[in-house]
Amino acid sequence: MQAFDISPDGLLLAVLFQSTSARDGWLRVVVEDVATGRTRMDVALNVEGIRPEIHNFPWYEPHLEFSADQRFLTVQDWQMIRVVDIADSKVVRTFTSTNDQLSFPLSIHSASSNDLVLVSYGTKVPFVWGNKGFNDLVNPQRVHNELVDISTGQRQSRWDSLDIPQSLSADGKLAAVSEWEGSTPLVEVEIVDAQTGQKLKTLNSGFKFKKPWAAGPAGRVIGRFLSDDEILLSPDEHVDSTGHRSGDAFRTVRVSDGQLVREIRPQDFGPAGEIAVSADRHCFAALNWYISPGAAKRDAAPAEPPSLLIFPDLTKAQSYTIPQLQAGAGLETNEWLDSWRPRIANNAAAVAIVRDRGVVVFQRN
């Protein structure tokens, strides 16, 4: 298993499989009915060449994503982006980078009110861990982005950035990207025009490290668009020399004027940087793994396993919790976070998480 997604209505589960042999060039996309387990679609994708050693590319993850209207699946492998028509069970178009130097697919982000998808490409040069930034905070340095319409095959824009975009606005007009050129230890979120790549503004999250370990980037803000003009901001998992994260709340900020719209402060909040927003942008799920500042300062392990916080209504602080997530093997992709990566359907009708190299789907009662 390489990747998965839950459909916006919560009724279908899509999974991307590949051969266990690095020299076996096949991928398979399977869509199953959540309630019955019946296979609704099974499409084989032939690929050429040897897949890269994924652990050398900490910013890369195989990916697939339902379109908001559930007509298409956008699939990303190490060669290209493929668009699968779910009704016809066939690949209807493919995309590759127009930049010869930055041609390795890194990420896809979909709009929710149309068929626009932001595709990011980078270099396939292996990452040297000895050159990593402080506190394991790394970025690809240069990324080529293309905004495409998966229903027509039209490319709408091409632009470069210093990191992989984190999110695309509901209408596909804005993108959230980490601001690496800032002067503080916290990497904030900048908003760019998705048509031109022009930086429009840097948002002030209000998060801050009390006593950074050293100069330079030591943590970042996670940004997920909730609409055309609202974005959800969260601290990531990094801590300072006192054992504290840069913040203890989720904050929704209005992009147009940077004003705080609402704040949610969960009890014993331990953000881990993994946040999934539903296709309609009305609910979200976030990994929570609390560790006391004292234990974090000593680099001790958390006392409890992680849990998943589910917020079915963005206007309320009420949440559900899926507790005691199992530690263990995640997907065959990139590092430990694949063990916990969630997906959430509209209205929180269903939530999918990884468990022991498989996927478990929870349905809302």
Protein backbone atom coordinates (compact mmCIF):
# COMPACT_ATOMS: atom_id res chain seq x y z
CA MET A 1 0.00 0.00 0.00
CA GLN A 2 1.30 3.39 -1.05
CA ALA A 3 -1.59 5.81 -0.50
CA PHE A 4 -5.32 5.98 0.17
CA ASP A 5 -8.26 8.38 0.23
CA ILE A 6 -11.86 8.34 1.43
CA SER A 7 -14.52 9.69 -0.94
CA PRO A 8 -16.26 12.97 -0.03
CA ASP A 9 -19.49 11.11 0.80
CA GLY A 10 -17.60 8.58 2.93
CA LEU A 11 -18.88 5.57 1.00
CA LEU A 12 -15.81 4.66 -1.07
CA LEU A 13 -12.20 3.90 -0.19
CA ALA A 14 -9.46 4.25 -2.82
CA VAL A 15 -6.09 2.56 -2.34
CA LEU A 16 -2.89 2.73 -4.40
CA PHE A 17 -0.87 -0.50 -4.41
CA GLN A 18 2.49 -1.34 -5.94
CA SER A 19 4.65 -4.40 -6.24
CA THR A 20 6.88 -5.23 -3.29
CA SER A 21 9.77 -5.52 -5.76
CA ALA A 22 11.51 -2.25 -6.60
CA ARG A 23 12.12 -3.60 -10.11
CA ASP A 24 8.51 -4.55 -10.75
CA GLY A 25 6.93 -1.67 -12.65
CA TRP A 26 3.27 -1.84 -11.84
CA LEU A 27 0.79 0.11 -9.80
CA ARG A 28 -2.83 -0.71 -9.12
CA VAL A 29 -5.67 1.57 -8.02
CA VAL A 30 -8.55 -0.15 -6.26
CA VAL A 31 -11.80 1.50 -5.15
CA GLU A 32 -13.93 -0.42 -2.66
CA ASP A 33 -17.35 0.05 -1.14
CA VAL A 34 -16.77 0.87 2.54
CA ALA A 35 -19.91 -0.89 3.79
CA THR A 36 -19.53 -4.15 1.88
CA GLY A 37 -15.89 -4.31 0.83
CA ARG A 38 -17.01 -4.93 -2.75
CA THR A 39 -14.57 -3.78 -5.41
CA ARG A 40 -16.01 -0.96 -7.49
CA MET A 41 -12.94 -0.27 -9.62
CA ASP A 42 -9.61 -2.00 -10.24
CA VAL A 43 -7.20 -0.27 -12.64
CA ALA A 44 -3.65 -1.36 -13.42
CA LEU A 45 -1.11 1.38 -14.19
CA ASN A 46 2.08 0.44 -16.00
CA VAL A 47 5.19 2.43 -15.11
CA GLU A 48 8.72 2.34 -16.46
CA GLY A 49 12.02 2.39 -14.65
CA ILE A 50 12.98 1.56 -11.08
CA ARG A 51 11.11 3.43 -8.39
CA PRO A 52 13.33 5.61 -6.17
CA GLU A 53 14.39 4.67 -2.69
CA ILE A 54 11.63 6.62 -1.02
CA HIS A 55 13.40 7.01 2.33
CA ASN A 56 15.93 9.25 0.56
CA PHE A 57 13.16 11.74 -0.24
CA PRO A 58 11.57 12.87 3.04
CA TRP A 59 9.27 15.36 1.26
CA TYR A 60 7.89 12.81 -1.22
CA GLU A 61 4.79 10.71 -0.77
CA PRO A 62 2.79 8.73 -3.32
CA HIS A 63 -0.65 10.24 -3.40
CA LEU A 64 -4.18 9.82 -4.70
CA GLU A 65 -7.18 12.02 -4.17
CA PHE A 66 -10.89 12.00 -5.02
CA SER A 67 -12.20 15.05 -6.82
CA ALA A 68 -14.87 16.94 -4.85
CA ASP A 69 -17.60 15.64 -7.19
CA GLN A 70 -16.20 12.07 -7.04
CA ARG A 71 -15.91 11.81 -10.83
CA PHE A 72 -12.14 11.46 -10.84
CA LEU A 73 -9.19 10.12 -8.89
CA THR A 74 -5.94 12.03 -9.28
CA VAL A 75 -3.01 9.65 -8.81
CA GLN A 76 0.62 10.66 -8.26
CA ASP A 77 3.49 8.22 -8.61
CA TRP A 78 7.25 8.78 -9.11
CA GLN A 79 6.82 9.51 -12.82
CA MET A 80 3.63 11.42 -13.54
CA ILE A 81 0.14 12.47 -12.53
CA ARG A 82 -2.70 10.32 -13.84
CA VAL A 83 -6.40 11.17 -13.85
CA VAL A 84 -8.69 8.15 -13.58
CA ASP A 85 -12.36 8.38 -14.55
CA ILE A 86 -14.11 6.37 -11.83
CA ALA A 87 -17.25 5.62 -13.86
CA ASP A 88 -15.28 4.30 -16.84
CA SER A 89 -12.44 2.76 -14.80
CA LYS A 90 -9.74 4.12 -17.08
CA VAL A 91 -7.00 6.73 -17.21
CA VAL A 92 -8.35 9.66 -19.20
CA ARG A 93 -5.27 11.93 -19.11
CA THR A 94 -1.77 12.28 -17.72
CA PHE A 95 0.42 15.21 -16.68
CA THR A 96 4.19 15.55 -16.48
CA SER A 97 6.31 18.53 -15.55
CA THR A 98 7.16 21.16 -18.16
CA ASN A 99 10.39 21.81 -16.24
CA ASP A 100 13.16 19.38 -17.24
CA GLN A 101 15.19 19.96 -14.06
CA LEU A 102 12.22 19.76 -11.68
CA SER A 103 10.25 16.79 -12.98
CA PHE A 104 9.88 14.42 -9.99
CA PRO A 105 6.23 14.53 -8.75
CA LEU A 106 6.09 15.54 -5.09
CA SER A 107 2.53 16.47 -4.20
CA ILE A 108 -1.01 17.24 -5.36
CA HIS A 109 -3.64 19.52 -3.83
CA SER A 110 -7.21 19.82 -5.08
CA ALA A 111 -9.68 22.69 -5.05
CA SER A 112 -13.16 21.91 -3.79
CA SER A 113 -15.44 24.03 -5.99
CA ASN A 114 -13.96 23.03 -9.37
CA ASP A 115 -11.59 20.54 -11.00
CA LEU A 116 -8.35 22.47 -10.43
CA VAL A 117 -5.38 20.59 -8.98
CA LEU A 118 -2.03 22.09 -7.96
CA VAL A 119 0.78 19.68 -8.86
CA SER A 120 4.30 20.13 -7.44
CA TYR A 121 7.52 18.72 -8.91
CA GLY A 122 11.10 18.66 -7.66
CA THR A 123 14.45 17.04 -8.26
CA LYS A 124 15.18 13.35 -7.80
CA VAL A 125 18.63 13.99 -6.34
CA PRO A 126 18.91 11.93 -3.11
CA PHE A 127 18.70 13.97 0.06
CA VAL A 128 21.87 14.08 2.23
CA TRP A 129 20.82 13.83 5.87
CA GLY A 130 24.05 15.48 7.03
CA ASN A 131 22.82 18.72 5.48
CA LYS A 132 19.49 18.81 7.25
CA GLY A 133 18.40 21.86 9.16
CA PHE A 134 18.15 22.03 12.95
CA ASN A 135 15.49 19.84 14.56
CA ASP A 136 15.08 17.77 11.35
CA LEU A 137 13.26 20.66 9.66
CA VAL A 138 13.93 20.26 5.94
CA ASN A 139 12.56 21.51 2.63
CA PRO A 140 13.33 20.72 -1.02
CA GLN A 141 14.75 24.26 -1.63
CA ARG A 142 13.11 24.61 -5.06
CA VAL A 143 9.80 23.31 -6.33
CA HIS A 144 8.03 23.73 -9.68
CA ASN A 145 4.23 24.05 -9.45
CA GLU A 146 1.59 23.71 -12.15
CA LEU A 147 -2.12 24.44 -11.79
CA VAL A 148 -4.08 22.07 -14.02
CA ASP A 149 -7.73 21.36 -14.78
CA ILE A 150 -8.09 17.58 -14.53
CA SER A 151 -11.41 17.56 -16.41
CA THR A 152 -10.04 19.26 -19.54
CA GLY A 153 -6.30 18.69 -19.32
CA GLN A 154 -5.59 22.43 -19.51
CA ARG A 155 -2.56 23.86 -17.70
CA GLN A 156 -3.51 27.21 -16.21
CA SER A 157 -0.24 28.33 -14.63
CA ARG A 158 3.40 27.45 -13.91
CA TRP A 159 5.53 28.91 -11.10
CA ASP A 160 8.29 28.00 -8.66
CA SER A 161 8.46 28.14 -4.87
CA LEU A 162 10.93 27.36 -2.07
CA ASP A 163 8.76 24.57 -0.66
CA ILE A 164 5.89 22.26 -1.53
CA PRO A 165 2.56 24.12 -1.19
CA GLN A 166 0.55 22.98 1.81
CA SER A 167 -2.96 23.69 0.58
CA LEU A 168 -5.09 25.14 -2.22
CA SER A 169 -8.06 27.44 -1.60
CA ALA A 170 -11.56 26.16 -2.32
CA ASP A 171 -11.73 28.02 -5.66
CA GLY A 172 -8.14 27.22 -6.59
CA LYS A 173 -7.05 30.86 -6.75
CA LEU A 174 -4.71 30.90 -3.72
CA ALA A 175 -2.06 28.56 -2.35
CA ALA A 176 -0.47 28.32 1.10
CA VAL A 177 3.32 27.85 1.13
CA SER A 178 5.86 27.86 3.97
CA GLU A 179 7.74 31.17 4.26
CA TRP A 180 11.40 30.15 4.53
CA GLU A 181 12.78 33.64 4.07
CA GLY A 182 11.40 34.92 7.38
CA SER A 183 13.64 36.17 10.18
CA THR A 184 12.20 34.17 13.10
CA PRO A 185 12.75 30.51 14.16
CA LEU A 186 9.12 29.79 13.25
CA VAL A 187 8.39 29.24 9.56
CA GLU A 188 5.10 31.03 8.95
CA VAL A 189 2.59 30.51 6.10
CA GLU A 190 2.64 32.78 3.08
CA ILE A 191 -0.26 33.18 0.64
CA VAL A 192 0.53 33.19 -3.06
CA ASP A 193 -1.53 33.72 -6.22
CA ALA A 194 -1.98 30.23 -7.69
CA GLN A 195 -2.13 31.67 -11.21
CA THR A 196 1.16 33.57 -11.05
CA GLY A 197 3.02 32.34 -7.96
CA GLN A 198 3.26 35.94 -6.76
CA LYS A 199 3.53 36.27 -3.00
CA LEU A 200 0.55 38.22 -1.66
CA LYS A 201 1.21 38.22 2.09
CA THR A 202 2.65 36.33 5.05
CA LEU A 203 0.12 35.45 7.73
CA ASN A 204 0.87 36.08 11.40
CA SER A 205 -0.14 32.90 13.17
CA GLY A 206 0.42 34.30 16.65
CA PHE A 207 2.47 31.20 17.54
CA LYS A 208 5.97 31.60 18.94
CA PHE A 209 8.78 29.60 20.49
CA LYS A 210 9.72 30.79 23.99
CA LYS A 211 13.39 29.78 23.85
CA PRO A 212 14.53 28.41 20.48
CA TRP A 213 17.32 25.87 20.54
CA ALA A 214 19.43 27.78 18.03
CA ALA A 215 19.28 30.37 15.30
CA GLY A 216 17.47 29.46 12.11
CA PRO A 217 14.21 27.60 11.37
CA ALA A 218 13.18 25.31 14.24
CA GLY A 219 9.52 24.63 13.48
CA ARG A 220 6.78 25.58 11.08
CA VAL A 221 3.12 26.55 10.95
CA ILE A 222 0.75 24.15 9.20
CA GLY A 223 -1.87 25.82 6.97
CA ARG A 224 -5.01 24.24 5.50
CA PHE A 225 -7.56 26.30 3.55
CA LEU A 226 -11.14 26.03 4.82
CA SER A 227 -12.70 28.21 2.11
CA ASP A 228 -11.70 30.89 -0.41
CA ASP A 229 -10.80 33.30 2.42
CA GLU A 230 -10.27 31.29 5.62
CA ILE A 231 -7.33 29.10 6.55
CA LEU A 232 -6.75 26.81 9.52
CA LEU A 233 -3.36 27.30 11.21
CA SER A 234 -1.70 24.88 13.61
CA PRO A 235 1.73 24.46 15.22
CA ASP A 236 3.74 21.48 14.05
CA GLU A 237 5.39 18.85 16.27
CA HIS A 238 8.67 20.68 16.99
CA VAL A 239 9.51 21.98 20.48
CA ASP A 240 11.88 24.59 21.91
CA SER A 241 14.51 24.21 24.65
CA THR A 242 11.77 24.41 27.31
CA GLY A 243 9.90 21.46 25.76
CA HIS A 244 7.01 23.63 24.53
CA ARG A 245 5.57 23.69 21.05
CA SER A 246 5.09 27.06 19.39
CA GLY A 247 1.37 27.06 20.23
CA ASP A 248 -1.44 25.15 21.91
CA ALA A 249 -4.43 25.87 19.67
CA PHE A 250 -5.92 25.68 16.20
CA ARG A 251 -6.54 29.13 14.79
CA THR A 252 -8.75 30.06 11.84
CA VAL A 253 -7.52 33.24 10.17
CA ARG A 254 -9.16 35.35 7.47
CA VAL A 255 -6.75 35.56 4.56
CA SER A 256 -7.97 38.90 3.19
CA ASP A 257 -7.13 40.91 6.33
CA GLY A 258 -5.20 38.46 8.54
CA GLN A 259 -7.75 38.69 11.36
CA LEU A 260 -8.40 35.84 13.78
CA VAL A 261 -11.84 34.30 13.15
CA ARG A 262 -11.91 31.58 15.81
CA GLU A 263 -9.63 29.60 18.09
CA ILE A 264 -9.93 26.03 19.36
CA ARG A 265 -7.86 24.95 22.38
CA PRO A 266 -8.09 21.16 22.88
CA GLN A 267 -7.16 19.78 26.28
CA ASP A 268 -3.68 18.19 26.38
CA PHE A 269 -3.01 19.35 22.85
CA GLY A 270 0.01 17.85 21.13
CA PRO A 271 -0.12 18.83 17.44
CA ALA A 272 1.87 16.59 15.13
CA GLY A 273 1.44 18.39 11.82
CA GLU A 274 -1.00 15.91 10.32
CA ILE A 275 -4.31 17.61 9.46
CA ALA A 276 -6.94 16.42 6.98
CA VAL A 277 -9.73 18.73 5.80
CA SER A 278 -12.86 17.38 4.13
CA ALA A 279 -13.58 18.03 0.45
CA ASP A 280 -16.32 20.54 1.32
CA ARG A 281 -13.95 22.23 3.84
CA HIS A 282 -16.55 22.04 6.63
CA CYS A 283 -14.75 19.65 9.00
CA PHE A 284 -11.26 18.41 9.77
CA ALA A 285 -9.30 15.72 11.60
CA ALA A 286 -5.92 16.19 13.27
CA LEU A 287 -3.41 13.87 14.87
CA ASN A 288 -2.90 14.66 18.56
CA TRP A 289 0.10 13.25 20.44
CA TYR A 290 0.58 15.01 23.75
CA ILE A 291 3.86 14.99 25.63
CA SER A 292 4.54 17.09 28.71
CA PRO A 293 7.08 19.89 28.25
CA GLY A 294 9.34 18.28 30.83
CA ALA A 295 9.38 14.97 29.00
CA ALA A 296 9.84 16.69 25.65
CA LYS A 297 12.79 18.64 27.03
CA ARG A 298 14.42 15.35 28.05
CA ASP A 299 13.61 13.89 24.62
CA ALA A 300 11.51 11.21 26.34
CA ALA A 301 8.77 9.25 24.61
CA PRO A 302 5.14 10.35 25.04
CA ALA A 303 3.38 8.60 27.90
CA GLU A 304 0.30 7.80 25.80
CA PRO A 305 -0.15 6.73 22.17
CA PRO A 306 -1.53 9.29 19.71
CA SER A 307 -5.21 9.94 19.13
CA LEU A 308 -7.21 11.51 16.33
CA LEU A 309 -9.27 14.64 17.00
CA ILE A 310 -12.30 15.04 14.71
CA PHE A 311 -14.08 18.38 14.42
CA PRO A 312 -17.38 17.87 12.54
CA ASP A 313 -18.38 21.55 12.72
CA LEU A 314 -15.79 24.27 12.26
CA THR A 315 -17.91 26.84 14.07
CA LYS A 316 -17.82 24.81 17.29
CA ALA A 317 -15.05 23.58 19.57
CA GLN A 318 -16.81 20.23 20.03
CA SER A 319 -14.77 17.25 18.85
CA TYR A 320 -14.79 13.49 18.80
CA THR A 321 -11.71 11.44 19.62
CA ILE A 322 -10.45 8.15 18.25
CA PRO A 323 -8.07 7.17 21.07
CA GLN A 324 -5.15 4.81 21.40
CA LEU A 325 -4.00 4.72 17.81
CA GLN A 326 -1.70 1.77 17.30
CA ALA A 327 1.98 2.32 16.92
CA GLY A 328 3.42 0.18 14.17
CA ALA A 329 4.01 -0.09 10.48
CA GLY A 330 2.55 2.57 8.23
CA LEU A 331 2.52 2.76 4.47
CA GLU A 332 5.56 1.92 2.37
CA THR A 333 6.42 5.56 1.84
CA ASN A 334 8.31 8.12 3.86
CA GLU A 335 8.94 7.86 7.56
CA TRP A 336 6.78 7.38 10.62
CA LEU A 337 4.02 9.89 9.91
CA ASP A 338 2.59 7.49 7.34
CA SER A 339 1.44 5.46 10.35
CA TRP A 340 -0.99 8.16 11.34
CA ARG A 341 -2.02 10.09 8.21
CA PRO A 342 -5.84 10.57 8.28
CA ARG A 343 -8.51 11.22 5.65
CA ILE A 344 -11.96 12.62 6.45
CA ALA A 345 -15.25 12.66 4.50
CA ASN A 346 -17.78 15.49 4.38
CA ASN A 347 -19.75 16.02 7.60
CA ALA A 348 -17.21 13.70 9.27
CA ALA A 349 -19.34 10.83 7.92
CA ALA A 350 -16.24 8.63 7.82
CA VAL A 351 -12.59 8.87 8.81
CA ALA A 352 -9.83 6.62 7.46
CA ILE A 353 -6.45 5.96 9.10
CA VAL A 354 -3.56 3.56 8.58
CA ARG A 355 -3.23 0.53 10.81
CA ASP A 356 -0.62 -2.23 10.34
CA ARG A 357 -0.08 -1.50 6.65
CA GLY A 358 -3.82 -1.47 6.06
CA VAL A 359 -6.59 1.10 6.28
CA VAL A 360 -9.30 1.25 8.94
CA VAL A 361 -12.47 3.26 8.28
CA PHE A 362 -14.52 4.67 11.16
CA GLN A 363 -18.09 5.69 10.39
CA ARG A 364 -19.96 8.35 12.35
CA ASN A 365 -23.00 7.10 14.26
